[in-house]
N, C-alpha and C. Protein backbone atom coordinates (compact mmCIF):
# COMPACT_ATOMS: atom_id res chain seq x y z
N GLU A 1 61.45 32.56 -104.54
CA GLU A 1 62.44 32.08 -103.43
C GLU A 1 61.40 31.87 -102.19
N ALA A 2 61.64 30.83 -101.56
CA ALA A 2 60.90 30.44 -100.45
C ALA A 2 61.31 31.38 -99.18
N SER A 3 60.48 31.96 -98.35
CA SER A 3 60.99 32.88 -97.18
C SER A 3 61.32 31.84 -95.85
N GLU A 4 62.05 32.18 -95.22
CA GLU A 4 62.59 31.52 -93.95
C GLU A 4 61.34 31.46 -92.89
N ALA A 5 61.31 30.54 -92.11
CA ALA A 5 60.60 30.50 -90.94
C ALA A 5 60.89 31.44 -89.95
N LEU A 6 59.87 32.06 -89.21
CA LEU A 6 60.03 33.04 -88.03
C LEU A 6 59.88 32.36 -86.78
N PRO A 7 60.63 32.72 -85.78
CA PRO A 7 60.33 32.20 -84.36
C PRO A 7 58.97 32.66 -84.02
N SER A 8 58.32 31.60 -83.48
CA SER A 8 56.74 32.08 -83.10
C SER A 8 56.39 31.50 -81.70
N ARG A 9 57.33 30.66 -81.34
CA ARG A 9 56.92 30.02 -79.84
C ARG A 9 58.33 29.67 -79.14
N ILE A 10 58.07 29.39 -77.82
CA ILE A 10 59.31 28.89 -77.03
C ILE A 10 59.62 27.48 -77.37
N ASP A 11 60.88 27.34 -77.56
CA ASP A 11 61.25 25.95 -77.84
C ASP A 11 61.43 25.09 -76.49
N THR A 12 60.47 24.27 -76.12
CA THR A 12 60.54 23.73 -74.87
C THR A 12 61.32 22.60 -74.83
N THR A 13 62.09 22.20 -75.83
CA THR A 13 62.90 20.96 -75.82
C THR A 13 64.26 21.42 -75.50
N THR A 14 64.50 22.68 -75.26
CA THR A 14 65.93 23.22 -74.98
C THR A 14 66.08 24.11 -73.87
N MET A 15 64.85 24.52 -73.35
CA MET A 15 64.84 25.54 -72.31
C MET A 15 65.58 25.09 -70.90
N GLY A 16 65.78 26.17 -70.20
CA GLY A 16 66.56 25.91 -68.92
C GLY A 16 65.69 25.38 -67.77
N GLN A 17 66.22 24.64 -67.01
CA GLN A 17 65.67 23.82 -65.93
C GLN A 17 64.60 24.65 -64.95
N PHE A 18 64.90 25.79 -64.91
CA PHE A 18 64.07 26.80 -63.93
C PHE A 18 62.86 27.47 -64.66
N LEU A 19 62.44 27.03 -65.84
CA LEU A 19 61.49 27.61 -66.41
C LEU A 19 60.13 26.88 -66.60
N GLU A 20 59.30 27.44 -66.37
CA GLU A 20 57.68 26.80 -66.59
C GLU A 20 57.19 27.62 -67.88
N VAL A 21 56.68 26.85 -68.81
CA VAL A 21 56.22 27.38 -70.18
C VAL A 21 54.73 26.84 -70.13
N SER A 22 53.82 27.89 -70.64
CA SER A 22 52.32 27.77 -70.86
C SER A 22 52.30 26.55 -71.88
N GLN A 23 51.17 26.03 -72.02
CA GLN A 23 50.82 25.02 -72.94
C GLN A 23 50.86 25.54 -74.34
N ASP A 24 50.42 26.73 -74.58
CA ASP A 24 50.67 27.32 -76.05
C ASP A 24 51.97 27.72 -76.30
N LYS A 25 52.97 27.57 -75.33
CA LYS A 25 54.37 27.96 -75.58
C LYS A 25 54.68 29.48 -75.99
N LEU A 26 53.68 30.27 -75.39
CA LEU A 26 53.90 31.73 -75.60
C LEU A 26 54.27 32.42 -74.24
N THR A 27 54.15 31.80 -73.11
CA THR A 27 54.44 32.39 -71.81
C THR A 27 55.25 31.66 -70.92
N ALA A 28 56.36 32.38 -70.52
CA ALA A 28 57.39 31.54 -69.62
C ALA A 28 57.24 32.35 -68.33
N ARG A 29 57.47 31.31 -67.39
CA ARG A 29 57.57 32.00 -65.91
C ARG A 29 58.87 31.28 -65.26
N TYR A 30 59.63 32.26 -64.63
CA TYR A 30 60.72 31.78 -63.91
C TYR A 30 60.40 31.09 -62.55
N GLY A 31 60.75 29.85 -62.31
CA GLY A 31 60.33 29.08 -61.17
C GLY A 31 61.60 28.93 -60.12
N GLY A 32 62.77 29.52 -60.38
CA GLY A 32 63.96 29.21 -59.48
C GLY A 32 63.82 30.04 -58.19
N GLU A 33 65.03 29.98 -57.62
CA GLU A 33 65.23 30.66 -56.30
C GLU A 33 66.08 31.85 -56.46
N ALA A 34 66.90 32.04 -57.58
CA ALA A 34 67.86 33.10 -57.88
C ALA A 34 68.88 32.99 -56.66
N ALA A 35 69.23 31.73 -56.40
CA ALA A 35 70.22 31.51 -55.38
C ALA A 35 71.79 31.60 -55.78
N HIS A 36 71.95 31.51 -57.06
CA HIS A 36 73.33 31.59 -57.58
C HIS A 36 73.39 32.10 -59.09
N SER A 37 74.37 32.16 -59.56
CA SER A 37 74.48 32.95 -60.86
C SER A 37 73.99 32.02 -62.12
N ASN A 38 74.14 30.63 -61.76
CA ASN A 38 73.63 29.85 -62.92
C ASN A 38 72.10 29.37 -62.76
N ASP A 39 71.47 30.06 -61.73
CA ASP A 39 70.03 29.84 -61.38
C ASP A 39 69.12 30.82 -62.43
N VAL A 40 69.06 30.27 -63.71
CA VAL A 40 68.65 31.12 -64.70
C VAL A 40 67.49 30.42 -65.26
N GLY A 41 66.42 31.10 -65.88
CA GLY A 41 65.41 30.67 -66.54
C GLY A 41 65.44 31.00 -68.07
N ALA A 42 66.21 30.61 -68.79
CA ALA A 42 66.61 30.90 -70.22
C ALA A 42 65.79 30.03 -71.22
N ALA A 43 65.38 30.68 -72.33
CA ALA A 43 64.68 29.87 -73.38
C ALA A 43 65.08 30.54 -74.56
N GLN A 44 64.85 29.65 -75.61
CA GLN A 44 65.16 30.28 -77.02
C GLN A 44 63.81 30.11 -77.81
N GLY A 45 63.74 30.69 -79.02
CA GLY A 45 62.51 30.51 -79.85
C GLY A 45 62.60 29.19 -80.55
N ASP A 46 61.72 28.76 -81.24
CA ASP A 46 61.52 27.56 -81.86
C ASP A 46 62.25 27.47 -83.10
N CYS A 47 62.83 28.54 -83.65
CA CYS A 47 63.67 28.58 -84.87
C CYS A 47 64.42 29.66 -84.63
N CYS A 48 65.52 29.77 -85.44
CA CYS A 48 66.36 30.90 -85.56
C CYS A 48 65.91 32.18 -86.29
N GLU A 49 66.46 33.34 -85.99
CA GLU A 49 66.10 34.43 -86.70
C GLU A 49 66.32 34.30 -88.15
N PRO A 50 65.76 34.89 -89.29
CA PRO A 50 66.03 34.65 -90.57
C PRO A 50 67.50 35.14 -91.13
N ARG A 51 68.14 34.36 -91.60
CA ARG A 51 69.69 34.68 -91.86
C ARG A 51 69.70 35.81 -92.84
N ARG A 52 68.79 36.04 -93.78
CA ARG A 52 68.93 36.96 -94.79
C ARG A 52 68.33 38.28 -94.46
N ALA A 53 67.66 38.35 -93.25
CA ALA A 53 67.01 39.77 -92.70
C ALA A 53 68.06 40.69 -92.48
N ALA A 54 67.76 41.88 -93.20
CA ALA A 54 68.84 43.05 -92.86
C ALA A 54 68.57 43.60 -91.52
N LEU A 55 67.27 43.48 -91.00
CA LEU A 55 66.95 44.00 -89.68
C LEU A 55 65.91 43.01 -89.17
N TYR A 56 66.15 42.61 -87.92
CA TYR A 56 65.22 41.74 -87.17
C TYR A 56 65.14 42.19 -85.70
N TYR A 57 63.96 41.90 -85.28
CA TYR A 57 63.61 42.15 -83.74
C TYR A 57 62.41 41.43 -83.39
N TYR A 58 62.29 41.33 -82.03
CA TYR A 58 61.20 40.66 -81.31
C TYR A 58 60.82 41.48 -80.39
N GLU A 59 59.49 41.17 -79.97
CA GLU A 59 58.99 41.79 -78.84
C GLU A 59 58.36 40.95 -77.73
N LEU A 60 58.53 41.27 -76.32
CA LEU A 60 58.06 40.67 -75.38
C LEU A 60 57.64 41.50 -74.27
N ARG A 61 56.77 40.91 -73.27
CA ARG A 61 56.33 41.83 -72.26
C ARG A 61 56.78 41.11 -71.05
N VAL A 62 57.44 41.92 -70.12
CA VAL A 62 57.66 41.32 -68.87
C VAL A 62 56.68 41.79 -67.88
N ILE A 63 56.05 40.76 -67.23
CA ILE A 63 54.84 41.03 -66.41
C ILE A 63 55.33 41.32 -65.05
N ASN A 64 56.54 40.44 -64.51
CA ASN A 64 57.03 40.69 -63.21
C ASN A 64 58.35 40.62 -63.12
N ALA A 65 59.30 41.63 -62.91
CA ALA A 65 60.67 41.74 -63.01
C ALA A 65 61.28 41.12 -61.69
N GLY A 66 60.43 40.79 -60.80
CA GLY A 66 61.14 40.28 -59.53
C GLY A 66 61.56 41.41 -58.53
N ARG A 67 62.15 41.14 -57.47
CA ARG A 67 62.42 42.13 -56.51
C ARG A 67 63.72 42.93 -57.02
N ASP A 68 64.65 42.34 -57.76
CA ASP A 68 65.79 42.91 -58.14
C ASP A 68 65.87 43.36 -59.66
N GLY A 69 64.75 43.02 -60.34
CA GLY A 69 64.92 43.48 -61.82
C GLY A 69 65.80 42.66 -62.61
N ALA A 70 66.31 41.42 -62.12
CA ALA A 70 67.37 40.81 -62.62
C ALA A 70 67.00 39.88 -63.75
N ILE A 71 66.41 40.54 -64.86
CA ILE A 71 66.04 39.95 -66.22
C ILE A 71 66.89 40.25 -67.41
N ALA A 72 67.17 39.37 -68.17
CA ALA A 72 68.10 39.76 -69.29
C ALA A 72 67.29 39.13 -70.47
N ILE A 73 67.25 40.00 -71.52
CA ILE A 73 66.71 39.63 -72.89
C ILE A 73 68.01 39.66 -73.81
N GLY A 74 67.83 38.82 -74.82
CA GLY A 74 68.66 38.96 -76.14
C GLY A 74 68.70 37.87 -77.06
N PHE A 75 69.80 37.72 -77.58
CA PHE A 75 70.02 36.77 -78.64
C PHE A 75 71.26 35.69 -78.44
N SER A 76 70.99 34.64 -78.71
CA SER A 76 72.21 33.70 -78.74
C SER A 76 71.99 32.63 -79.72
N GLN A 77 73.18 31.97 -79.97
CA GLN A 77 73.28 30.92 -81.09
C GLN A 77 72.58 29.57 -80.63
N GLU A 78 72.01 28.98 -81.69
CA GLU A 78 71.55 27.66 -81.28
C GLU A 78 72.50 26.85 -80.48
N GLY A 79 71.98 26.12 -79.63
CA GLY A 79 72.83 25.19 -78.90
C GLY A 79 73.61 25.98 -77.62
N ALA A 80 73.30 27.35 -77.33
CA ALA A 80 73.98 28.05 -76.26
C ALA A 80 73.43 27.44 -74.89
N ARG A 81 74.38 27.71 -74.01
CA ARG A 81 74.12 27.14 -72.74
C ARG A 81 72.95 28.06 -72.01
N LEU A 82 71.99 27.30 -71.60
CA LEU A 82 70.80 27.99 -71.01
C LEU A 82 70.91 28.15 -69.38
N THR A 83 72.10 27.87 -69.19
CA THR A 83 72.29 28.19 -67.61
C THR A 83 73.02 29.48 -67.35
N ARG A 84 72.97 30.39 -68.24
CA ARG A 84 73.57 31.49 -68.17
C ARG A 84 72.93 32.52 -68.95
N GLN A 85 72.96 33.86 -68.37
CA GLN A 85 72.31 35.01 -69.01
C GLN A 85 72.73 35.36 -70.43
N PRO A 86 71.84 35.75 -71.38
CA PRO A 86 72.40 36.22 -72.62
C PRO A 86 73.31 37.45 -72.53
N GLY A 87 74.53 37.37 -73.32
CA GLY A 87 75.55 38.14 -73.01
C GLY A 87 76.65 37.81 -72.37
N TRP A 88 76.64 36.70 -71.49
CA TRP A 88 77.64 36.28 -70.70
C TRP A 88 78.50 35.39 -71.38
N ASP A 89 78.09 34.72 -72.52
CA ASP A 89 78.95 33.67 -73.28
C ASP A 89 79.21 34.16 -74.63
N PRO A 90 80.03 33.66 -75.35
CA PRO A 90 80.51 33.94 -76.66
C PRO A 90 79.25 33.82 -77.57
N ASN A 91 79.00 34.45 -78.72
CA ASN A 91 78.03 34.61 -79.58
C ASN A 91 76.73 34.71 -78.86
N SER A 92 76.57 35.52 -77.88
CA SER A 92 75.33 35.92 -77.24
C SER A 92 75.44 37.46 -76.93
N TYR A 93 74.21 38.21 -76.98
CA TYR A 93 74.02 39.37 -76.69
C TYR A 93 72.77 39.71 -75.83
N GLY A 94 73.02 40.67 -74.81
CA GLY A 94 71.93 40.77 -73.97
C GLY A 94 71.82 42.06 -73.46
N TYR A 95 70.55 42.46 -72.92
CA TYR A 95 70.24 43.70 -72.20
C TYR A 95 69.92 43.22 -70.83
N HIS A 96 70.45 43.72 -69.82
CA HIS A 96 70.27 43.38 -68.49
C HIS A 96 69.51 44.49 -67.63
N GLY A 97 68.42 44.05 -67.14
CA GLY A 97 67.35 45.01 -66.54
C GLY A 97 67.84 45.43 -65.18
N ASP A 98 68.76 44.60 -64.38
CA ASP A 98 69.13 45.07 -63.02
C ASP A 98 70.14 46.23 -63.17
N ASP A 99 70.86 46.31 -64.20
CA ASP A 99 72.01 47.36 -64.26
C ASP A 99 71.79 48.31 -65.60
N GLY A 100 70.80 47.91 -66.42
CA GLY A 100 70.58 48.67 -67.61
C GLY A 100 71.65 48.76 -68.57
N ARG A 101 72.49 47.53 -68.58
CA ARG A 101 73.65 47.48 -69.48
C ARG A 101 73.37 46.38 -70.61
N LYS A 102 74.18 46.73 -71.74
CA LYS A 102 74.10 45.78 -72.73
C LYS A 102 75.35 44.80 -72.54
N SER A 103 75.29 43.62 -72.84
CA SER A 103 76.31 42.58 -72.65
C SER A 103 76.74 41.77 -73.79
N HIS A 104 78.08 41.69 -73.81
CA HIS A 104 78.42 40.65 -74.91
C HIS A 104 79.70 39.89 -74.62
N ASN A 105 79.60 38.52 -74.48
CA ASN A 105 80.80 37.80 -74.13
C ASN A 105 81.53 38.31 -72.83
N ASN A 106 80.67 38.66 -71.76
CA ASN A 106 81.07 38.90 -70.51
C ASN A 106 81.14 37.92 -69.56
């Protein structure tokens, strides 16, 4: 049985408008103003997590959390709106650094 592909890079074809991504597609930088709730620098991996995986995780390093720590990391389905934080919409889950809460469909 063939194994499923694993996400390995940022998908630059669907990323949010306030994101700057390095040429190797491994580093993202938020370039927005944080002026409103849809001023989000969201991105997804280049493929979905494996469907048959009993357990799956990913690692990332936050180099600069900004003045308010308003960073969210999480999971969302393919085609999710990338103008919102993970966890704010259906079929997404997120951890929010500004308040330390987990969020789903909020």
